[in-house]
Amino acid sequence: MAPMPSITIVKTFSYRGAGEEWSNTYHFDGGDPPDSAHWKTLSDNIIAAEKATMPSTSTIIRAYGHKAGVKTRAWLFDYAAASASVPGTYVPGAGAIQAGDAAAWVRWSTSQFTSRGKPIYLRSYYHDVASQGSARSSVDTFQTNQKTAFETYATAWVTGFSDGTTTHHRAGPNGAIGVAPVMASQFLTTRTLERRGKRR
């Protein structure tokens, strides 16, 4: 399998009293977008779908792209500097937002297998997630409506996002293509943020 290009969407939210950036990188098929205009169109289309998964306490501030197999960044757009930051539009239930370290994952199936014959999955983790409620029995469960929003977004990657010319689909770094079914986690987990640092 060949290396795939990628795009990284950078978000910010308040964490431990200060702004914290976090991001998701998506590899995709269809080849490299040919110029900045195509990268920007692809980014805008992804963001238009991704914002529906996040509450307004998270804001998309930047995006950048890498060509297939190239470590140097090929494209960057600073939405914040352009006064075009994109806040999330998901509306969680009252009191359901969890600590910044809390996260939920989304998983894509693929048609590829490891050398040992195990299925290859693609997975992304997201912050600013909500639980189903505040009771001990429900606080660990991913809020149903937000889970559905993530599954809708993941399915949009299977359908593909256009750069204005080519439609790109979620892929692994080496070419495994994301296909249905997609799944979001039932239970919340954690993903360490930079400000949290190492345990002592």
C-alpha atoms as a PDB file:
ATOM      1  CA  MET A   1       0.000   0.000   0.000  1.00  0.00           C
ATOM      2  CA  ALA A   2       1.243   3.496  -0.856  1.00  0.00           C
ATOM      3  CA  PRO A   3       1.519   6.485   1.513  1.00  0.00           C
ATOM      4  CA  MET A   4      -1.527   8.774   1.613  1.00  0.00           C
ATOM      5  CA  PRO A   5      -1.753  12.583   1.883  1.00  0.00           C
ATOM      6  CA  SER A   6      -3.287  14.010   5.052  1.00  0.00           C
ATOM      7  CA  ILE A   7      -5.047  17.031   6.477  1.00  0.00           C
ATOM      8  CA  THR A   8      -4.965  18.118  10.120  1.00  0.00           C
ATOM      9  CA  ILE A   9      -7.817  20.080  11.690  1.00  0.00           C
ATOM     10  CA  VAL A  10      -6.764  22.029  14.800  1.00  0.00           C
ATOM     11  CA  LYS A  11      -9.210  22.925  17.571  1.00  0.00           C
ATOM     12  CA  THR A  12      -8.940  24.920  20.793  1.00  0.00           C
ATOM     13  CA  PHE A  13     -10.880  24.897  24.054  1.00  0.00           C
ATOM     14  CA  SER A  14     -10.394  25.906  27.670  1.00  0.00           C
ATOM     15  CA  TYR A  15      -8.457  23.374  29.715  1.00  0.00           C
ATOM     16  CA  ARG A  16      -7.207  23.851  33.292  1.00  0.00           C
ATOM     17  CA  GLY A  17      -7.702  27.583  33.116  1.00  0.00           C
ATOM     18  CA  ALA A  18      -6.003  28.234  29.776  1.00  0.00           C
ATOM     19  CA  GLY A  19      -6.500  27.677  26.082  1.00  0.00           C
ATOM     20  CA  GLU A  20      -5.481  24.242  24.834  1.00  0.00           C
ATOM     21  CA  GLU A  21      -5.082  23.112  21.248  1.00  0.00           C
ATOM     22  CA  TRP A  22      -5.909  19.612  20.084  1.00  0.00           C
ATOM     23  CA  SER A  23      -6.201  18.176  16.616  1.00  0.00           C
ATOM     24  CA  ASN A  24      -7.169  15.300  14.371  1.00  0.00           C
ATOM     25  CA  THR A  25      -5.228  14.183  11.323  1.00  0.00           C
ATOM     26  CA  TYR A  26      -7.056  12.449   8.485  1.00  0.00           C
ATOM     27  CA  HIS A  27      -5.242  10.595   5.727  1.00  0.00           C
ATOM     28  CA  PHE A  28      -7.226  10.340   2.516  1.00  0.00           C
ATOM     29  CA  ASP A  29      -7.216   8.785  -0.939  1.00  0.00           C
ATOM     30  CA  GLY A  30      -7.509  10.522  -4.314  1.00  0.00           C
ATOM     31  CA  GLY A  31      -4.032  12.004  -4.417  1.00  0.00           C
ATOM     32  CA  ASP A  32      -2.674  15.380  -3.343  1.00  0.00           C
ATOM     33  CA  PRO A  33      -4.895  18.450  -3.825  1.00  0.00           C
ATOM     34  CA  PRO A  34      -3.113  20.318  -6.646  1.00  0.00           C
ATOM     35  CA  ASP A  35      -2.953  23.808  -5.128  1.00  0.00           C
ATOM     36  CA  SER A  36      -3.891  25.987  -2.134  1.00  0.00           C
ATOM     37  CA  ALA A  37      -7.398  26.648  -3.437  1.00  0.00           C
ATOM     38  CA  HIS A  38      -8.147  22.910  -3.589  1.00  0.00           C
ATOM     39  CA  TRP A  39      -6.679  22.334  -0.113  1.00  0.00           C
ATOM     40  CA  LYS A  40      -8.846  25.169   1.258  1.00  0.00           C
ATOM     41  CA  THR A  41     -12.003  23.813  -0.377  1.00  0.00           C
ATOM     42  CA  LEU A  42     -11.323  20.358   1.049  1.00  0.00           C
ATOM     43  CA  SER A  43     -10.667  21.840   4.488  1.00  0.00           C
ATOM     44  CA  ASP A  44     -13.827  23.953   4.435  1.00  0.00           C
ATOM     45  CA  ASN A  45     -15.950  20.953   3.456  1.00  0.00           C
ATOM     46  CA  ILE A  46     -14.490  18.781   6.229  1.00  0.00           C
ATOM     47  CA  ILE A  47     -14.942  21.528   8.817  1.00  0.00           C
ATOM     48  CA  ALA A  48     -18.548  22.153   7.762  1.00  0.00           C
ATOM     49  CA  ALA A  49     -19.280  18.539   8.734  1.00  0.00           C
ATOM     50  CA  GLU A  50     -16.970  18.215  11.748  1.00  0.00           C
ATOM     51  CA  LYS A  51     -18.314  21.302  13.544  1.00  0.00           C
ATOM     52  CA  ALA A  52     -21.612  19.475  14.095  1.00  0.00           C
ATOM     53  CA  THR A  53     -19.856  17.022  16.429  1.00  0.00           C
ATOM     54  CA  MET A  54     -18.473  19.627  18.855  1.00  0.00           C
ATOM     55  CA  PRO A  55     -20.093  22.080  21.276  1.00  0.00           C
ATOM     56  CA  SER A  56     -19.441  25.804  20.889  1.00  0.00           C
ATOM     57  CA  THR A  57     -16.790  25.574  23.633  1.00  0.00           C
ATOM     58  CA  SER A  58     -14.483  24.091  20.991  1.00  0.00           C
ATOM     59  CA  THR A  59     -13.424  26.205  18.020  1.00  0.00           C
ATOM     60  CA  ILE A  60     -11.633  25.181  14.827  1.00  0.00           C
ATOM     61  CA  ILE A  61      -8.755  27.601  14.355  1.00  0.00           C
ATOM     62  CA  ARG A  62      -6.313  26.150  11.837  1.00  0.00           C
ATOM     63  CA  ALA A  63      -5.809  23.456   9.211  1.00  0.00           C
ATOM     64  CA  TYR A  64      -2.751  22.186   7.401  1.00  0.00           C
ATOM     65  CA  GLY A  65      -1.983  19.509   4.845  1.00  0.00           C
ATOM     66  CA  HIS A  66       0.814  17.132   3.922  1.00  0.00           C
ATOM     67  CA  LYS A  67       1.381  15.587   0.534  1.00  0.00           C
ATOM     68  CA  ALA A  68       1.719  11.820   0.356  1.00  0.00           C
ATOM     69  CA  GLY A  69       5.004  10.625   1.832  1.00  0.00           C
ATOM     70  CA  VAL A  70       6.323  14.165   2.476  1.00  0.00           C
ATOM     71  CA  LYS A  71       7.106  15.309   6.038  1.00  0.00           C
ATOM     72  CA  THR A  72       7.228  19.012   5.172  1.00  0.00           C
ATOM     73  CA  ARG A  73       3.882  20.763   5.417  1.00  0.00           C
ATOM     74  CA  ALA A  74       2.458  21.559   1.990  1.00  0.00           C
ATOM     75  CA  TRP A  75      -0.415  23.861   2.958  1.00  0.00           C
ATOM     76  CA  LEU A  76      -1.627  25.913   5.922  1.00  0.00           C
ATOM     77  CA  PHE A  77      -4.650  28.095   6.551  1.00  0.00           C
ATOM     78  CA  ASP A  78      -5.039  29.983   9.833  1.00  0.00           C
ATOM     79  CA  TYR A  79      -8.776  30.463  10.313  1.00  0.00           C
ATOM     80  CA  ALA A  80      -8.222  32.417  13.539  1.00  0.00           C
ATOM     81  CA  ALA A  81      -5.823  34.885  11.907  1.00  0.00           C
ATOM     82  CA  ALA A  82      -8.325  35.347   9.084  1.00  0.00           C
ATOM     83  CA  SER A  83     -11.106  36.045  11.636  1.00  0.00           C
ATOM     84  CA  ALA A  84     -12.836  32.937  10.307  1.00  0.00           C
ATOM     85  CA  SER A  85     -12.640  30.537  13.284  1.00  0.00           C
ATOM     86  CA  VAL A  86     -15.418  27.950  13.268  1.00  0.00           C
ATOM     87  CA  PRO A  87     -17.135  27.125  16.588  1.00  0.00           C
ATOM     88  CA  GLY A  88     -18.823  23.808  17.165  1.00  0.00           C
ATOM     89  CA  THR A  89     -22.589  23.679  16.745  1.00  0.00           C
ATOM     90  CA  TYR A  90     -23.526  20.588  18.774  1.00  0.00           C
ATOM     91  CA  VAL A  91     -25.771  21.422  21.753  1.00  0.00           C
ATOM     92  CA  PRO A  92     -25.184  19.010  24.657  1.00  0.00           C
ATOM     93  CA  GLY A  93     -27.568  18.295  27.480  1.00  0.00           C
ATOM     94  CA  ALA A  94     -27.257  20.435  30.612  1.00  0.00           C
ATOM     95  CA  GLY A  95     -24.367  19.501  32.881  1.00  0.00           C
ATOM     96  CA  ALA A  96     -23.160  16.729  30.581  1.00  0.00           C
ATOM     97  CA  ILE A  97     -19.795  18.112  29.347  1.00  0.00           C
ATOM     98  CA  GLN A  98     -16.879  16.197  30.844  1.00  0.00           C
ATOM     99  CA  ALA A  99     -13.329  17.161  31.842  1.00  0.00           C
ATOM    100  CA  GLY A 100     -10.984  18.143  29.016  1.00  0.00           C
ATOM    101  CA  ASP A 101      -9.061  14.878  29.207  1.00  0.00           C
ATOM    102  CA  ALA A 102     -12.237  12.918  28.517  1.00  0.00           C
ATOM    103  CA  ALA A 103     -12.473  11.694  24.946  1.00  0.00           C
ATOM    104  CA  ALA A 104     -14.537   9.583  22.618  1.00  0.00           C
ATOM    105  CA  TRP A 105     -13.319   7.588  19.653  1.00  0.00           C
ATOM    106  CA  VAL A 106     -14.693   7.007  16.184  1.00  0.00           C
ATOM    107  CA  ARG A 107     -13.756   3.896  14.211  1.00  0.00           C
ATOM    108  CA  TRP A 108     -13.874   3.112  10.501  1.00  0.00           C
ATOM    109  CA  SER A 109     -13.810  -0.437   9.153  1.00  0.00           C
ATOM    110  CA  THR A 110     -11.501  -1.209   6.215  1.00  0.00           C
ATOM    111  CA  SER A 111     -11.196  -4.087   3.767  1.00  0.00           C
ATOM    112  CA  GLN A 112      -7.527  -4.613   4.697  1.00  0.00           C
ATOM    113  CA  PHE A 113      -5.972  -7.126   7.080  1.00  0.00           C
ATOM    114  CA  THR A 114      -2.716  -7.302   9.023  1.00  0.00           C
ATOM    115  CA  SER A 115      -0.065  -9.870   8.177  1.00  0.00           C
ATOM    116  CA  ARG A 116      -1.646 -12.023  10.896  1.00  0.00           C
ATOM    117  CA  GLY A 117      -5.062 -11.812   9.279  1.00  0.00           C
ATOM    118  CA  LYS A 118      -6.643  -9.363  11.715  1.00  0.00           C
ATOM    119  CA  PRO A 119      -8.912  -6.587  10.356  1.00  0.00           C
ATOM    120  CA  ILE A 120      -7.390  -3.107  10.108  1.00  0.00           C
ATOM    121  CA  TYR A 121      -9.473  -0.284  11.572  1.00  0.00           C
ATOM    122  CA  LEU A 122      -8.990   3.487  11.425  1.00  0.00           C
ATOM    123  CA  ARG A 123      -9.601   5.382  14.653  1.00  0.00           C
ATOM    124  CA  SER A 124      -9.735   9.038  15.737  1.00  0.00           C
ATOM    125  CA  TYR A 125     -10.168  10.501  19.239  1.00  0.00           C
ATOM    126  CA  TYR A 126     -12.088  13.686  20.095  1.00  0.00           C
ATOM    127  CA  HIS A 127     -12.340  15.955  23.156  1.00  0.00           C
ATOM    128  CA  ASP A 128     -15.079  18.225  24.532  1.00  0.00           C
ATOM    129  CA  VAL A 129     -17.455  15.305  24.779  1.00  0.00           C
ATOM    130  CA  ALA A 130     -20.605  14.869  26.840  1.00  0.00           C
ATOM    131  CA  SER A 131     -21.873  12.050  29.006  1.00  0.00           C
ATOM    132  CA  GLN A 132     -25.413  10.725  29.008  1.00  0.00           C
ATOM    133  CA  GLY A 133     -26.019  12.201  32.488  1.00  0.00           C
ATOM    134  CA  SER A 134     -24.541  13.205  35.820  1.00  0.00           C
ATOM    135  CA  ALA A 135     -25.481  10.094  37.825  1.00  0.00           C
ATOM    136  CA  ARG A 136     -22.766   7.563  38.580  1.00  0.00           C
ATOM    137  CA  SER A 137     -24.615   5.010  36.452  1.00  0.00           C
ATOM    138  CA  SER A 138     -24.576   7.228  33.333  1.00  0.00           C
ATOM    139  CA  VAL A 139     -21.590   9.579  33.627  1.00  0.00           C
ATOM    140  CA  ASP A 140     -19.257   7.203  31.739  1.00  0.00           C
ATOM    141  CA  THR A 141     -21.655   6.721  28.817  1.00  0.00           C
ATOM    142  CA  PHE A 142     -21.177   8.846  25.688  1.00  0.00           C
ATOM    143  CA  GLN A 143     -24.182  11.108  25.131  1.00  0.00           C
ATOM    144  CA  THR A 144     -26.446   9.438  22.583  1.00  0.00           C
ATOM    145  CA  ASN A 145     -27.027  12.501  20.392  1.00  0.00           C
ATOM    146  CA  GLN A 146     -23.336  13.394  20.224  1.00  0.00           C
ATOM    147  CA  LYS A 147     -22.459   9.764  19.469  1.00  0.00           C
ATOM    148  CA  THR A 148     -24.926   9.909  16.581  1.00  0.00           C
ATOM    149  CA  ALA A 149     -23.383  13.178  15.368  1.00  0.00           C
ATOM    150  CA  PHE A 150     -19.950  11.562  15.262  1.00  0.00           C
ATOM    151  CA  GLU A 151     -21.250   8.540  13.385  1.00  0.00           C
ATOM    152  CA  THR A 152     -22.882  10.867  10.848  1.00  0.00           C
ATOM    153  CA  TYR A 153     -19.573  12.706  10.435  1.00  0.00           C
ATOM    154  CA  ALA A 154     -17.624   9.459  10.074  1.00  0.00           C
ATOM    155  CA  THR A 155     -20.075   8.275   7.424  1.00  0.00           C
ATOM    156  CA  ALA A 156     -19.513  11.537   5.527  1.00  0.00           C
ATOM    157  CA  TRP A 157     -15.839  10.559   5.259  1.00  0.00           C
ATOM    158  CA  VAL A 158     -16.918   7.259   3.673  1.00  0.00           C
ATOM    159  CA  THR A 159     -19.029   9.192   1.157  1.00  0.00           C
ATOM    160  CA  GLY A 160     -16.094  11.557   0.708  1.00  0.00           C
ATOM    161  CA  PHE A 161     -15.226  15.258   0.824  1.00  0.00           C
ATOM    162  CA  SER A 162     -14.512  17.208  -2.345  1.00  0.00           C
ATOM    163  CA  ASP A 163     -11.583  19.541  -2.927  1.00  0.00           C
ATOM    164  CA  GLY A 164     -13.513  21.092  -5.809  1.00  0.00           C
ATOM    165  CA  THR A 165     -12.281  18.533  -8.320  1.00  0.00           C
ATOM    166  CA  THR A 166     -11.627  15.211  -6.563  1.00  0.00           C
ATOM    167  CA  THR A 167     -13.621  13.487  -3.835  1.00  0.00           C
ATOM    168  CA  HIS A 168     -11.392  12.164  -1.046  1.00  0.00           C
ATOM    169  CA  HIS A 169     -12.202   9.354   1.397  1.00  0.00           C
ATOM    170  CA  ARG A 170     -10.813   8.531   4.836  1.00  0.00           C
ATOM    171  CA  ALA A 171      -7.770   6.303   4.645  1.00  0.00           C
ATOM    172  CA  GLY A 172      -4.957   4.998   6.775  1.00  0.00           C
ATOM    173  CA  PRO A 173      -1.439   6.417   6.378  1.00  0.00           C
ATOM    174  CA  ASN A 174      -0.524   3.505   4.109  1.00  0.00           C
ATOM    175  CA  GLY A 175      -3.704   3.269   2.078  1.00  0.00           C
ATOM    176  CA  ALA A 176      -6.353   1.235   3.921  1.00  0.00           C
ATOM    177  CA  ILE A 177      -9.642   2.916   2.959  1.00  0.00           C
ATOM    178  CA  GLY A 178     -12.324   3.556   5.574  1.00  0.00           C
ATOM    179  CA  VAL A 179     -15.649   1.913   4.750  1.00  0.00           C
ATOM    180  CA  ALA A 180     -18.965   1.274   6.504  1.00  0.00           C
ATOM    181  CA  PRO A 181     -19.822   0.305   9.110  1.00  0.00           C
ATOM    182  CA  VAL A 182     -18.550   3.190  11.227  1.00  0.00           C
ATOM    183  CA  MET A 183     -18.861   3.238  15.002  1.00  0.00           C
ATOM    184  CA  ALA A 184     -18.434   5.702  17.855  1.00  0.00           C
ATOM    185  CA  SER A 185     -17.542   4.583  21.359  1.00  0.00           C
ATOM    186  CA  GLN A 186     -20.383   3.829  23.747  1.00  0.00           C
ATOM    187  CA  PHE A 187     -18.283   4.797  26.755  1.00  0.00           C
ATOM    188  CA  LEU A 188     -16.027   7.799  27.292  1.00  0.00           C
ATOM    189  CA  THR A 189     -12.308   7.285  27.664  1.00  0.00           C
ATOM    190  CA  THR A 190      -9.313   9.632  28.045  1.00  0.00           C
ATOM    191  CA  ARG A 191      -6.606  11.046  25.786  1.00  0.00           C
ATOM    192  CA  THR A 192      -3.778  12.981  27.448  1.00  0.00           C
ATOM    193  CA  LEU A 193      -3.535  16.643  26.546  1.00  0.00           C
ATOM    194  CA  GLU A 194      -0.238  18.527  26.451  1.00  0.00           C
ATOM    195  CA  ARG A 195      -0.943  20.704  29.501  1.00  0.00           C
ATOM    196  CA  ARG A 196      -1.647  17.672  31.654  1.00  0.00           C
ATOM    197  CA  GLY A 197       1.989  16.575  31.421  1.00  0.00           C
ATOM    198  CA  LYS A 198       3.486  13.425  32.866  1.00  0.00           C
ATOM    199  CA  ARG A 199       2.376  11.857  36.131  1.00  0.00           C
ATOM    200  CA  ARG A 200       4.863  12.275  38.959  1.00  0.00           C
END
